[in-house]
C-alpha atoms as a PDB file:
ATOM      1  CA  MET A   1     -54.926  96.700   8.806  1.00  0.00           C
ATOM      2  CA  ARG A   2     -52.366  94.141   9.971  1.00  0.00           C
ATOM      3  CA  THR A   3     -50.264  91.401   8.494  1.00  0.00           C
ATOM      4  CA  TRP A   4     -51.244  87.826   9.173  1.00  0.00           C
ATOM      5  CA  ILE A   5     -49.219  84.682   8.759  1.00  0.00           C
ATOM      6  CA  LYS A   6     -50.507  81.195   8.132  1.00  0.00           C
ATOM      7  CA  ARG A   7     -48.421  78.087   8.578  1.00  0.00           C
ATOM      8  CA  CYS A   8     -49.088  74.968   6.559  1.00  0.00           C
ATOM      9  CA  GLY A   9     -46.760  72.204   7.592  1.00  0.00           C
ATOM     10  CA  SER A  10     -45.549  69.035   5.757  1.00  0.00           C
ATOM     11  CA  GLY A  11     -42.428  69.099   7.807  1.00  0.00           C
ATOM     12  CA  VAL A  12     -41.711  72.758   7.112  1.00  0.00           C
ATOM     13  CA  ALA A  13     -43.491  76.015   7.916  1.00  0.00           C
ATOM     14  CA  CYS A  14     -45.051  77.185   4.650  1.00  0.00           C
ATOM     15  CA  LEU A  15     -45.634  80.864   5.235  1.00  0.00           C
ATOM     16  CA  LEU A  16     -48.001  83.093   3.336  1.00  0.00           C
ATOM     17  CA  ALA A  17     -48.648  86.776   4.097  1.00  0.00           C
ATOM     18  CA  ALA A  18     -51.467  89.142   3.201  1.00  0.00           C
ATOM     19  CA  HIS A  19     -52.908  92.432   4.400  1.00  0.00           C
ATOM     20  CA  GLY A  20     -56.296  93.118   5.843  1.00  0.00           C
ATOM     21  CA  ALA A  21     -58.905  90.996   7.602  1.00  0.00           C
ATOM     22  CA  MET A  22     -58.614  87.284   6.902  1.00  0.00           C
ATOM     23  CA  ALA A  23     -61.467  85.891   4.816  1.00  0.00           C
ATOM     24  CA  ALA A  24     -62.268  82.295   3.918  1.00  0.00           C
ATOM     25  CA  SER A  25     -59.865  80.894   1.338  1.00  0.00           C
ATOM     26  CA  LEU A  26     -59.046  77.700  -0.521  1.00  0.00           C
ATOM     27  CA  THR A  27     -55.436  76.794  -1.308  1.00  0.00           C
ATOM     28  CA  LEU A  28     -53.972  74.254  -3.727  1.00  0.00           C
ATOM     29  CA  GLY A  29     -50.265  73.618  -3.438  1.00  0.00           C
ATOM     30  CA  ALA A  30     -47.332  71.220  -3.633  1.00  0.00           C
ATOM     31  CA  LEU A  31     -43.878  71.159  -2.042  1.00  0.00           C
ATOM     32  CA  PRO A  32     -41.502  68.677  -3.741  1.00  0.00           C
ATOM     33  CA  SER A  33     -38.690  67.849  -1.312  1.00  0.00           C
ATOM     34  CA  TYR A  34     -35.538  65.721  -1.244  1.00  0.00           C
ATOM     35  CA  PHE A  35     -33.747  64.261   1.790  1.00  0.00           C
ATOM     36  CA  SER A  36     -30.535  62.250   2.110  1.00  0.00           C
ATOM     37  CA  GLY A  37     -28.945  60.643   5.160  1.00  0.00           C
ATOM     38  CA  THR A  38     -28.257  57.433   7.041  1.00  0.00           C
ATOM     39  CA  TYR A  39     -31.079  57.850   9.615  1.00  0.00           C
ATOM     40  CA  GLY A  40     -29.069  55.698  12.038  1.00  0.00           C
ATOM     41  CA  VAL A  41     -28.363  52.794   9.648  1.00  0.00           C
ATOM     42  CA  GLN A  42     -25.293  51.820   7.592  1.00  0.00           C
ATOM     43  CA  SER A  43     -26.664  52.744   4.151  1.00  0.00           C
ATOM     44  CA  THR A  44     -27.473  56.212   2.838  1.00  0.00           C
ATOM     45  CA  ILE A  45     -31.212  56.624   2.297  1.00  0.00           C
ATOM     46  CA  HIS A  46     -32.509  58.989  -0.373  1.00  0.00           C
ATOM     47  CA  ILE A  47     -36.128  60.148  -0.135  1.00  0.00           C
ATOM     48  CA  LEU A  48     -38.117  62.165  -2.660  1.00  0.00           C
ATOM     49  CA  TYR A  49     -41.294  63.400  -0.975  1.00  0.00           C
ATOM     50  CA  VAL A  50     -43.848  65.301  -3.075  1.00  0.00           C
ATOM     51  CA  PRO A  51     -46.892  66.346  -1.002  1.00  0.00           C
ATOM     52  CA  ALA A  52     -49.829  67.899  -2.837  1.00  0.00           C
ATOM     53  CA  TYR A  53     -52.356  69.556  -0.564  1.00  0.00           C
ATOM     54  CA  LEU A  54     -55.794  71.149  -0.473  1.00  0.00           C
ATOM     55  CA  GLN A  55     -56.489  73.566   2.368  1.00  0.00           C
ATOM     56  CA  TYR A  56     -59.556  75.455   3.518  1.00  0.00           C
ATOM     57  CA  ARG A  57     -59.144  78.347   5.938  1.00  0.00           C
ATOM     58  CA  ASP A  58     -61.448  80.863   7.592  1.00  0.00           C
ATOM     59  CA  PRO A  59     -60.913  83.105  10.667  1.00  0.00           C
ATOM     60  CA  GLU A  60     -61.359  80.152  13.048  1.00  0.00           C
ATOM     61  CA  TRP A  61     -60.676  76.916  11.164  1.00  0.00           C
ATOM     62  CA  ARG A  62     -57.911  75.529   8.995  1.00  0.00           C
ATOM     63  CA  LEU A  63     -58.550  72.133   7.382  1.00  0.00           C
ATOM     64  CA  LYS A  64     -55.876  70.489   5.271  1.00  0.00           C
ATOM     65  CA  LEU A  65     -55.686  67.296   3.233  1.00  0.00           C
ATOM     66  CA  THR A  66     -52.231  66.181   2.053  1.00  0.00           C
ATOM     67  CA  VAL A  67     -51.723  63.446  -0.553  1.00  0.00           C
ATOM     68  CA  PRO A  68     -48.029  62.676  -1.177  1.00  0.00           C
ATOM     69  CA  TYR A  69     -46.015  60.762  -3.754  1.00  0.00           C
ATOM     70  CA  ILE A  70     -42.883  59.194  -2.336  1.00  0.00           C
ATOM     71  CA  ALA A  71     -39.800  57.516  -3.819  1.00  0.00           C
ATOM     72  CA  VAL A  72     -36.980  55.986  -1.782  1.00  0.00           C
ATOM     73  CA  SER A  73     -33.667  54.294  -2.509  1.00  0.00           C
ATOM     74  CA  GLY A  74     -31.063  52.778  -0.189  1.00  0.00           C
ATOM     75  CA  LEU A  75     -33.751  51.653   2.278  1.00  0.00           C
ATOM     76  CA  PRO A  76     -32.664  48.552   4.242  1.00  0.00           C
ATOM     77  CA  LYS A  77     -34.903  45.554   3.665  1.00  0.00           C
ATOM     78  CA  GLY A  78     -37.384  45.291   6.519  1.00  0.00           C
ATOM     79  CA  ALA A  79     -37.276  49.035   7.220  1.00  0.00           C
ATOM     80  CA  SER A  80     -40.241  51.313   6.629  1.00  0.00           C
ATOM     81  CA  LEU A  81     -41.022  54.988   6.278  1.00  0.00           C
ATOM     82  CA  SER A  82     -43.784  56.977   7.924  1.00  0.00           C
ATOM     83  CA  GLY A  83     -44.895  60.384   6.721  1.00  0.00           C
ATOM     84  CA  GLY A  84     -41.787  60.753   4.567  1.00  0.00           C
ATOM     85  CA  SER A  85     -39.249  59.836   7.277  1.00  0.00           C
ATOM     86  CA  VAL A  86     -37.835  56.569   8.656  1.00  0.00           C
ATOM     87  CA  ALA A  87     -40.076  54.980  11.299  1.00  0.00           C
ATOM     88  CA  GLN A  88     -38.367  51.619  11.743  1.00  0.00           C
ATOM     89  CA  ARG A  89     -34.970  50.303  10.664  1.00  0.00           C
ATOM     90  CA  GLY A  90     -34.472  46.807   9.302  1.00  0.00           C
ATOM     91  CA  GLY A  91     -31.554  44.652  10.342  1.00  0.00           C
ATOM     92  CA  SER A  92     -30.562  43.665   6.807  1.00  0.00           C
ATOM     93  CA  SER A  93     -27.514  45.060   5.009  1.00  0.00           C
ATOM     94  CA  GLN A  94     -29.381  44.665   1.719  1.00  0.00           C
ATOM     95  CA  THR A  95     -31.240  47.703   0.440  1.00  0.00           C
ATOM     96  CA  THR A  96     -34.229  48.274  -1.774  1.00  0.00           C
ATOM     97  CA  SER A  97     -35.913  51.010  -3.797  1.00  0.00           C
ATOM     98  CA  ALA A  98     -39.624  51.750  -4.151  1.00  0.00           C
ATOM     99  CA  SER A  99     -42.050  54.495  -5.122  1.00  0.00           C
ATOM    100  CA  GLY A 100     -45.757  55.193  -5.003  1.00  0.00           C
ATOM    101  CA  LEU A 101     -48.507  56.757  -2.919  1.00  0.00           C
ATOM    102  CA  GLY A 102     -47.388  57.920   0.514  1.00  0.00           C
ATOM    103  CA  ASP A 103     -49.377  58.233   3.730  1.00  0.00           C
ATOM    104  CA  ILE A 104     -52.332  60.623   3.394  1.00  0.00           C
ATOM    105  CA  TRP A 105     -52.687  63.239   6.164  1.00  0.00           C
ATOM    106  CA  LEU A 106     -55.797  65.074   7.338  1.00  0.00           C
ATOM    107  CA  ALA A 107     -55.340  67.971   9.786  1.00  0.00           C
ATOM    108  CA  ALA A 108     -57.717  70.376  11.542  1.00  0.00           C
ATOM    109  CA  HIS A 109     -56.633  73.527  13.417  1.00  0.00           C
ATOM    110  CA  TYR A 110     -59.028  75.676  15.432  1.00  0.00           C
ATOM    111  CA  THR A 111     -58.262  79.155  16.787  1.00  0.00           C
ATOM    112  CA  LEU A 112     -59.618  78.805  20.299  1.00  0.00           C
ATOM    113  CA  LEU A 113     -58.346  82.205  21.449  1.00  0.00           C
ATOM    114  CA  PRO A 114     -57.171  84.888  19.003  1.00  0.00           C
ATOM    115  CA  GLU A 115     -54.067  86.907  19.745  1.00  0.00           C
ATOM    116  CA  LYS A 116     -54.838  89.860  22.031  1.00  0.00           C
ATOM    117  CA  GLY A 117     -52.268  92.226  23.501  1.00  0.00           C
ATOM    118  CA  LEU A 118     -49.509  90.183  25.144  1.00  0.00           C
ATOM    119  CA  MET A 119     -51.558  86.984  24.935  1.00  0.00           C
ATOM    120  CA  PRO A 120     -50.668  84.716  21.995  1.00  0.00           C
ATOM    121  CA  ALA A 121     -53.232  83.021  19.811  1.00  0.00           C
ATOM    122  CA  VAL A 122     -54.089  79.562  21.166  1.00  0.00           C
ATOM    123  CA  VAL A 123     -54.645  76.994  18.417  1.00  0.00           C
ATOM    124  CA  PRO A 124     -55.377  73.349  19.315  1.00  0.00           C
ATOM    125  CA  TYR A 125     -55.166  70.898  16.454  1.00  0.00           C
ATOM    126  CA  ALA A 126     -55.588  67.255  15.504  1.00  0.00           C
ATOM    127  CA  LYS A 127     -54.053  65.180  12.712  1.00  0.00           C
ATOM    128  CA  VAL A 128     -54.623  61.711  11.287  1.00  0.00           C
ATOM    129  CA  LYS A 129     -52.072  59.873   9.190  1.00  0.00           C
ATOM    130  CA  PHE A 130     -53.860  57.256   7.122  1.00  0.00           C
ATOM    131  CA  GLY A 131     -51.697  54.204   6.434  1.00  0.00           C
ATOM    132  CA  THR A 132     -52.126  54.352   2.663  1.00  0.00           C
ATOM    133  CA  ALA A 133     -48.436  53.884   1.748  1.00  0.00           C
ATOM    134  CA  SER A 134     -47.346  50.357   0.821  1.00  0.00           C
ATOM    135  CA  ALA A 135     -46.048  48.498   3.882  1.00  0.00           C
ATOM    136  CA  ALA A 136     -44.807  45.656   1.655  1.00  0.00           C
ATOM    137  CA  ASN A 137     -42.519  48.081  -0.201  1.00  0.00           C
ATOM    138  CA  GLY A 138     -41.389  49.925   2.933  1.00  0.00           C
ATOM    139  CA  LEU A 139     -43.141  53.162   1.968  1.00  0.00           C
ATOM    140  CA  GLY A 140     -45.220  53.115   5.162  1.00  0.00           C
ATOM    141  CA  THR A 141     -46.174  51.087   8.205  1.00  0.00           C
ATOM    142  CA  GLY A 142     -49.643  50.311   6.885  1.00  0.00           C
ATOM    143  CA  ARG A 143     -51.140  51.645  10.109  1.00  0.00           C
ATOM    144  CA  ASN A 144     -52.858  54.912  11.050  1.00  0.00           C
ATOM    145  CA  ASP A 145     -51.297  57.469  13.403  1.00  0.00           C
ATOM    146  CA  TYR A 146     -53.284  59.974  15.474  1.00  0.00           C
ATOM    147  CA  GLU A 147     -51.936  63.276  16.807  1.00  0.00           C
ATOM    148  CA  VAL A 148     -53.290  66.044  19.040  1.00  0.00           C
ATOM    149  CA  GLY A 149     -51.408  69.234  19.739  1.00  0.00           C
ATOM    150  CA  LEU A 150     -51.392  72.886  20.677  1.00  0.00           C
ATOM    151  CA  GLY A 151     -49.929  75.880  18.886  1.00  0.00           C
ATOM    152  CA  LEU A 152     -49.120  79.335  20.256  1.00  0.00           C
ATOM    153  CA  ASN A 153     -48.620  82.180  17.770  1.00  0.00           C
ATOM    154  CA  THR A 154     -47.927  85.838  18.478  1.00  0.00           C
ATOM    155  CA  THR A 155     -46.563  89.069  16.976  1.00  0.00           C
ATOM    156  CA  ILE A 156     -43.603  91.230  17.960  1.00  0.00           C
ATOM    157  CA  GLY A 157     -43.821  94.708  16.509  1.00  0.00           C
ATOM    158  CA  THR A 158     -45.311  94.629  13.030  1.00  0.00           C
ATOM    159  CA  ASN A 159     -43.225  92.049  11.197  1.00  0.00           C
ATOM    160  CA  VAL A 160     -41.921  89.338  13.567  1.00  0.00           C
ATOM    161  CA  PHE A 161     -44.126  86.295  14.226  1.00  0.00           C
ATOM    162  CA  PRO A 162     -42.850  83.796  16.829  1.00  0.00           C
ATOM    163  CA  PHE A 163     -44.551  80.410  17.098  1.00  0.00           C
ATOM    164  CA  VAL A 164     -44.299  77.151  19.026  1.00  0.00           C
ATOM    165  CA  HIS A 165     -46.165  73.857  18.610  1.00  0.00           C
ATOM    166  CA  ILE A 166     -46.163  70.678  20.692  1.00  0.00           C
ATOM    167  CA  ALA A 167     -48.145  67.504  20.092  1.00  0.00           C
ATOM    168  CA  TYR A 168     -48.527  63.883  21.144  1.00  0.00           C
ATOM    169  CA  ARG A 169     -48.726  61.229  18.430  1.00  0.00           C
ATOM    170  CA  ILE A 170     -50.248  57.773  18.886  1.00  0.00           C
ATOM    171  CA  VAL A 171     -48.244  55.594  16.507  1.00  0.00           C
ATOM    172  CA  GLY A 172     -49.771  52.550  14.831  1.00  0.00           C
ATOM    173  CA  SER A 173     -47.495  49.478  14.862  1.00  0.00           C
ATOM    174  CA  PRO A 174     -47.344  46.882  12.081  1.00  0.00           C
ATOM    175  CA  PRO A 175     -47.752  43.192  13.036  1.00  0.00           C
ATOM    176  CA  GLY A 176     -44.715  41.935  14.918  1.00  0.00           C
ATOM    177  CA  GLN A 177     -43.424  45.444  15.641  1.00  0.00           C
ATOM    178  CA  SER A 178     -43.686  47.669  18.695  1.00  0.00           C
ATOM    179  CA  LEU A 179     -43.349  51.296  17.662  1.00  0.00           C
ATOM    180  CA  GLN A 180     -43.483  53.975  20.351  1.00  0.00           C
ATOM    181  CA  ASN A 181     -45.850  56.894  20.769  1.00  0.00           C
ATOM    182  CA  ILE A 182     -43.943  60.169  20.534  1.00  0.00           C
ATOM    183  CA  LEU A 183     -43.925  63.876  21.284  1.00  0.00           C
ATOM    184  CA  THR A 184     -43.430  66.226  18.329  1.00  0.00           C
ATOM    185  CA  TYR A 185     -42.445  69.867  18.714  1.00  0.00           C
ATOM    186  CA  ASN A 186     -41.219  72.884  16.788  1.00  0.00           C
ATOM    187  CA  GLY A 187     -40.619  76.552  17.373  1.00  0.00           C
ATOM    188  CA  GLY A 188     -39.183  79.546  15.633  1.00  0.00           C
ATOM    189  CA  ALA A 189     -40.098  82.847  14.109  1.00  0.00           C
ATOM    190  CA  SER A 190     -41.136  84.303  10.759  1.00  0.00           C
ATOM    191  CA  ILE A 191     -39.964  87.733   9.680  1.00  0.00           C
ATOM    192  CA  ALA A 192     -41.837  89.720   7.027  1.00  0.00           C
ATOM    193  CA  LEU A 193     -38.938  91.271   5.105  1.00  0.00           C
ATOM    194  CA  THR A 194     -41.532  92.957   2.903  1.00  0.00           C
ATOM    195  CA  PRO A 195     -45.320  92.456   2.791  1.00  0.00           C
ATOM    196  CA  ARG A 196     -44.771  89.592   0.306  1.00  0.00           C
ATOM    197  CA  ARG A 197     -41.329  88.248   1.274  1.00  0.00           C
ATOM    198  CA  ILE A 198     -41.164  86.183   4.437  1.00  0.00           C
ATOM    199  CA  PHE A 199     -38.162  84.460   6.025  1.00  0.00           C
ATOM    200  CA  THR A 200     -38.599  81.719   8.631  1.00  0.00           C
ATOM    201  CA  LEU A 201     -36.070  80.043  10.896  1.00  0.00           C
ATOM    202  CA  MET A 202     -37.283  77.165  13.037  1.00  0.00           C
ATOM    203  CA  TYR A 203     -36.259  74.089  14.983  1.00  0.00           C
ATOM    204  CA  ALA A 204     -38.271  70.854  14.727  1.00  0.00           C
ATOM    205  CA  GLY A 205     -37.847  67.653  16.696  1.00  0.00           C
ATOM    206  CA  ALA A 206     -39.630  64.513  17.845  1.00  0.00           C
ATOM    207  CA  GLY A 207     -39.113  61.364  19.830  1.00  0.00           C
ATOM    208  CA  SER A 208     -38.056  58.168  18.085  1.00  0.00           C
ATOM    209  CA  GLU A 209     -40.808  55.780  17.035  1.00  0.00           C
ATOM    210  CA  GLN A 210     -38.334  52.893  17.344  1.00  0.00           C
ATOM    211  CA  ALA A 211     -36.590  52.168  20.630  1.00  0.00           C
ATOM    212  CA  GLY A 212     -32.804  52.406  20.613  1.00  0.00           C
ATOM    213  CA  TYR A 213     -32.547  55.124  17.974  1.00  0.00           C
ATOM    214  CA  ALA A 214     -32.346  58.914  18.118  1.00  0.00           C
ATOM    215  CA  GLY A 215     -35.392  60.935  17.227  1.00  0.00           C
ATOM    216  CA  PRO A 216     -35.321  63.499  14.422  1.00  0.00           C
ATOM    217  CA  SER A 217     -33.880  66.933  15.196  1.00  0.00           C
ATOM    218  CA  ASP A 218     -33.673  69.578  12.476  1.00  0.00           C
ATOM    219  CA  VAL A 219     -33.097  73.255  11.864  1.00  0.00           C
ATOM    220  CA  ILE A 220     -35.033  74.664   8.913  1.00  0.00           C
ATOM    221  CA  ALA A 221     -34.770  77.931   7.012  1.00  0.00           C
ATOM    222  CA  ALA A 222     -37.505  78.920   4.555  1.00  0.00           C
ATOM    223  CA  LEU A 223     -38.199  81.840   2.267  1.00  0.00           C
ATOM    224  CA  ASN A 224     -41.636  82.614   0.862  1.00  0.00           C
ATOM    225  CA  PHE A 225     -42.348  84.784  -2.150  1.00  0.00           C
ATOM    226  CA  ASN A 226     -45.997  85.767  -2.510  1.00  0.00           C
ATOM    227  CA  VAL A 227     -47.032  87.180  -5.873  1.00  0.00           C
ATOM    228  CA  THR A 228     -50.616  88.056  -4.959  1.00  0.00           C
ATOM    229  CA  ARG A 229     -52.203  89.726  -1.937  1.00  0.00           C
ATOM    230  CA  ALA A 230     -54.203  86.549  -1.298  1.00  0.00           C
ATOM    231  CA  GLY A 231     -51.002  84.535  -0.807  1.00  0.00           C
ATOM    232  CA  SER A 232     -50.401  82.746  -4.115  1.00  0.00           C
ATOM    233  CA  GLY A 233     -46.701  82.300  -4.704  1.00  0.00           C
ATOM    234  CA  PHE A 234     -43.813  79.936  -4.077  1.00  0.00           C
ATOM    235  CA  GLN A 235     -41.386  78.963  -1.357  1.00  0.00           C
ATOM    236  CA  VAL A 236     -37.950  77.415  -0.966  1.00  0.00           C
ATOM    237  CA  TYR A 237     -36.462  75.811   2.133  1.00  0.00           C
ATOM    238  CA  VAL A 238     -33.371  73.973   3.366  1.00  0.00           C
ATOM    239  CA  ASP A 239     -33.201  71.447   6.205  1.00  0.00           C
ATOM    240  CA  LYS A 240     -30.126  70.450   8.210  1.00  0.00           C
ATOM    241  CA  GLY A 241     -30.350  67.359  10.406  1.00  0.00           C
ATOM    242  CA  LEU A 242     -28.847  67.657  13.888  1.00  0.00           C
ATOM    243  CA  SER A 243     -29.191  64.015  15.002  1.00  0.00           C
ATOM    244  CA  SER A 244     -28.656  60.547  13.575  1.00  0.00           C
ATOM    245  CA  GLY A 245     -32.445  60.188  13.415  1.00  0.00           C
ATOM    246  CA  SER A 246     -32.675  62.915  10.766  1.00  0.00           C
ATOM    247  CA  ALA A 247     -31.567  63.257   7.179  1.00  0.00           C
ATOM    248  CA  ASP A 248     -28.105  64.774   6.869  1.00  0.00           C
ATOM    249  CA  PHE A 249     -29.627  67.452   4.667  1.00  0.00           C
ATOM    250  CA  GLY A 250     -32.772  68.187   2.716  1.00  0.00           C
ATOM    251  CA  GLY A 251     -34.728  70.898   1.003  1.00  0.00           C
ATOM    252  CA  GLY A 252     -37.511  71.704  -1.385  1.00  0.00           C
ATOM    253  CA  VAL A 253     -39.137  74.189  -3.728  1.00  0.00           C
ATOM    254  CA  GLY A 254     -42.903  74.484  -4.080  1.00  0.00           C
ATOM    255  CA  GLY A 255     -45.804  76.762  -4.740  1.00  0.00           C
ATOM    256  CA  GLN A 256     -49.458  77.415  -3.999  1.00  0.00           C
ATOM    257  CA  VAL A 257     -52.487  79.087  -5.503  1.00  0.00           C
ATOM    258  CA  VAL A 258     -54.943  80.750  -3.132  1.00  0.00           C
ATOM    259  CA  PHE A 259     -58.555  81.263  -4.208  1.00  0.00           C
END
């Protein structure tokens, strides 16, 4: 018997623990989150990001569909979000507010090599961001993004789980804009305080999609509370931005049910 950890993204490592061999599972969850900061502009932007997700997982595959609701205020006219963060900044001093469907994400992770001895698990993955958020209201760019990456996960002792992920994202540009393709990356470790209480500390960063601005850079602390052996439970996290391309602060509280 050993503990396994699964990470489920949306800007934060959602960590669920269970004992025994991993079987196929289906997870329904949501992680309402709030962010506030200038993101490199003169106004303070407030973002409410509420991703609901459906995930299938078996010993080799993890497939995840995320459908978010998003609300924003203080967004400069002409600026737009992407995946719940600021992709391009407008030049206007006037601001606007909007809400509605965000960009839908579809992700697939495959365990190419399981963890063995000193060798970490090797997990390539691919993601698609569908441009479903309203470009007219600044909730999205209206264009798809495509990302491919690689994750390395391992175990130290019986309760420490280091991880690192790096990916390349092809960014879709709206008409008249020239957004940049970027690298995204994160790394950290999860610690099983008890079999059902897991603490995670991680760093996450990326390049800037818009030339002339800093990319996001954040430190994130999360705590998961699982109430069933399968992994149903809830989580809370806080996010501190380290660059002008990030929110000054953020956080969220969510939960999931595992079938």
